[in-house]
């Protein structure tokens, strides 16, 4: 590689990293400690208080009155057969 090509590659790398940093500023908000936050991190931070409140509620004072079903549902609780597994894999 000639010195001219090496110089061009370094310049291309600098421009690419600058564009990447600029795209981070556009799409990822900064957290209070000035680091970038991903969407997943923001989602976790926003859902954490919700679930803490939801899961720390007191027990209900009275039990719910749930009536049994009029007709039993026909549900196969046996392990799947080899034919059923092959059919599911071939879909």
C-alpha atoms as a PDB file:
ATOM      1  CA  UNK A   1       0.000   0.000   0.000  1.00  0.00           C
ATOM      2  CA  UNK A   2       1.426   3.339  -0.987  1.00  0.00           C
ATOM      3  CA  UNK A   3       1.758   6.228   1.482  1.00  0.00           C
ATOM      4  CA  UNK A   4      -0.966   8.080  -0.411  1.00  0.00           C
ATOM      5  CA  UNK A   5      -3.392   5.131   0.039  1.00  0.00           C
ATOM      6  CA  UNK A   6      -2.529   4.913   3.739  1.00  0.00           C
ATOM      7  CA  UNK A   7      -3.272   8.608   4.137  1.00  0.00           C
ATOM      8  CA  UNK A   8      -6.604   8.184   2.336  1.00  0.00           C
ATOM      9  CA  UNK A   9      -7.528   5.227   4.570  1.00  0.00           C
ATOM     10  CA  UNK A  10      -6.740   7.193   7.743  1.00  0.00           C
ATOM     11  CA  UNK A  11      -8.820  10.112   6.503  1.00  0.00           C
ATOM     12  CA  UNK A  12     -11.709   7.773   5.661  1.00  0.00           C
ATOM     13  CA  UNK A  13     -11.533   6.208   9.143  1.00  0.00           C
ATOM     14  CA  UNK A  14     -11.566   9.652  10.811  1.00  0.00           C
ATOM     15  CA  UNK A  15     -14.583  10.778   8.782  1.00  0.00           C
ATOM     16  CA  UNK A  16     -16.442   7.525   9.444  1.00  0.00           C
ATOM     17  CA  UNK A  17     -15.872   7.734  13.191  1.00  0.00           C
ATOM     18  CA  UNK A  18     -16.957  11.388  13.204  1.00  0.00           C
ATOM     19  CA  UNK A  19     -20.164  10.511  11.358  1.00  0.00           C
ATOM     20  CA  UNK A  20     -20.823   7.645  13.758  1.00  0.00           C
ATOM     21  CA  UNK A  21     -20.356   9.912  16.779  1.00  0.00           C
ATOM     22  CA  UNK A  22     -22.706  12.464  15.227  1.00  0.00           C
ATOM     23  CA  UNK A  23     -25.345   9.771  14.619  1.00  0.00           C
ATOM     24  CA  UNK A  24     -25.084   8.739  18.270  1.00  0.00           C
ATOM     25  CA  UNK A  25     -25.835  12.294  19.322  1.00  0.00           C
ATOM     26  CA  UNK A  26     -28.911  12.362  17.085  1.00  0.00           C
ATOM     27  CA  UNK A  27     -30.467   9.050  18.041  1.00  0.00           C
ATOM     28  CA  UNK A  28     -29.280   8.173  21.533  1.00  0.00           C
ATOM     29  CA  UNK A  29     -30.093  10.491  24.420  1.00  0.00           C
ATOM     30  CA  UNK A  30     -27.527  11.016  27.132  1.00  0.00           C
ATOM     31  CA  UNK A  31     -28.056   9.805  30.651  1.00  0.00           C
ATOM     32  CA  UNK A  32     -27.428  12.119  33.632  1.00  0.00           C
ATOM     33  CA  UNK A  33     -23.778  10.991  33.827  1.00  0.00           C
ATOM     34  CA  UNK A  34     -23.251  12.099  30.184  1.00  0.00           C
ATOM     35  CA  UNK A  35     -23.021   8.614  28.646  1.00  0.00           C
ATOM     36  CA  UNK A  36     -25.173   7.468  25.763  1.00  0.00           C
ATOM     37  CA  UNK A  37     -28.184   5.324  26.555  1.00  0.00           C
ATOM     38  CA  UNK A  38     -29.617   2.665  24.280  1.00  0.00           C
ATOM     39  CA  UNK A  39     -33.351   2.132  23.829  1.00  0.00           C
ATOM     40  CA  UNK A  40     -33.145  -1.073  25.871  1.00  0.00           C
ATOM     41  CA  UNK A  41     -31.517   0.724  28.784  1.00  0.00           C
ATOM     42  CA  UNK A  42     -34.142   3.479  28.649  1.00  0.00           C
ATOM     43  CA  UNK A  43     -36.933   0.892  28.570  1.00  0.00           C
ATOM     44  CA  UNK A  44     -35.519  -0.912  31.589  1.00  0.00           C
ATOM     45  CA  UNK A  45     -35.159   2.352  33.501  1.00  0.00           C
ATOM     46  CA  UNK A  46     -38.715   3.382  32.700  1.00  0.00           C
ATOM     47  CA  UNK A  47     -40.305  -0.001  33.484  1.00  0.00           C
ATOM     48  CA  UNK A  48     -38.436  -0.629  36.750  1.00  0.00           C
ATOM     49  CA  UNK A  49     -40.495   1.777  38.915  1.00  0.00           C
ATOM     50  CA  UNK A  50     -43.711   0.525  37.322  1.00  0.00           C
ATOM     51  CA  UNK A  51     -43.037  -3.091  38.245  1.00  0.00           C
ATOM     52  CA  UNK A  52     -41.720  -2.183  41.702  1.00  0.00           C
ATOM     53  CA  UNK A  53     -45.039  -0.458  42.424  1.00  0.00           C
ATOM     54  CA  UNK A  54     -47.017  -3.287  40.873  1.00  0.00           C
ATOM     55  CA  UNK A  55     -45.227  -6.051  42.756  1.00  0.00           C
ATOM     56  CA  UNK A  56     -45.100  -4.309  46.130  1.00  0.00           C
ATOM     57  CA  UNK A  57     -48.867  -3.876  46.469  1.00  0.00           C
ATOM     58  CA  UNK A  58     -50.553  -5.405  49.532  1.00  0.00           C
ATOM     59  CA  UNK A  59     -52.516  -8.639  49.224  1.00  0.00           C
ATOM     60  CA  UNK A  60     -56.184  -8.282  48.259  1.00  0.00           C
ATOM     61  CA  UNK A  61     -58.481  -8.247  51.289  1.00  0.00           C
ATOM     62  CA  UNK A  62     -60.818 -10.882  49.853  1.00  0.00           C
ATOM     63  CA  UNK A  63     -60.165 -13.755  47.499  1.00  0.00           C
ATOM     64  CA  UNK A  64     -61.642 -13.543  43.994  1.00  0.00           C
ATOM     65  CA  UNK A  65     -64.666 -15.719  43.290  1.00  0.00           C
ATOM     66  CA  UNK A  66     -63.685 -17.738  40.214  1.00  0.00           C
ATOM     67  CA  UNK A  67     -66.297 -20.214  39.018  1.00  0.00           C
ATOM     68  CA  UNK A  68     -65.253 -23.468  37.347  1.00  0.00           C
ATOM     69  CA  UNK A  69     -65.760 -23.722  33.595  1.00  0.00           C
ATOM     70  CA  UNK A  70     -69.074 -25.123  32.353  1.00  0.00           C
ATOM     71  CA  UNK A  71     -67.387 -27.499  29.920  1.00  0.00           C
ATOM     72  CA  UNK A  72     -63.885 -28.853  30.411  1.00  0.00           C
ATOM     73  CA  UNK A  73     -61.390 -27.932  27.729  1.00  0.00           C
ATOM     74  CA  UNK A  74     -59.885 -30.773  25.742  1.00  0.00           C
ATOM     75  CA  UNK A  75     -56.171 -30.159  26.223  1.00  0.00           C
ATOM     76  CA  UNK A  76     -53.561 -32.816  25.548  1.00  0.00           C
ATOM     77  CA  UNK A  77     -51.106 -32.761  28.452  1.00  0.00           C
ATOM     78  CA  UNK A  78     -49.154 -35.823  27.303  1.00  0.00           C
ATOM     79  CA  UNK A  79     -45.625 -35.398  25.935  1.00  0.00           C
ATOM     80  CA  UNK A  80     -45.544 -34.769  22.180  1.00  0.00           C
ATOM     81  CA  UNK A  81     -45.147 -37.757  19.907  1.00  0.00           C
ATOM     82  CA  UNK A  82     -42.269 -38.127  17.478  1.00  0.00           C
ATOM     83  CA  UNK A  83     -44.645 -37.483  14.552  1.00  0.00           C
ATOM     84  CA  UNK A  84     -45.881 -34.229  16.143  1.00  0.00           C
ATOM     85  CA  UNK A  85     -42.299 -33.033  16.659  1.00  0.00           C
ATOM     86  CA  UNK A  86     -41.345 -33.834  13.067  1.00  0.00           C
ATOM     87  CA  UNK A  87     -44.468 -32.063  11.788  1.00  0.00           C
ATOM     88  CA  UNK A  88     -43.629 -28.938  13.812  1.00  0.00           C
ATOM     89  CA  UNK A  89     -40.021 -28.921  12.595  1.00  0.00           C
ATOM     90  CA  UNK A  90     -41.016 -29.308   8.951  1.00  0.00           C
ATOM     91  CA  UNK A  91     -43.317 -26.284   8.938  1.00  0.00           C
END
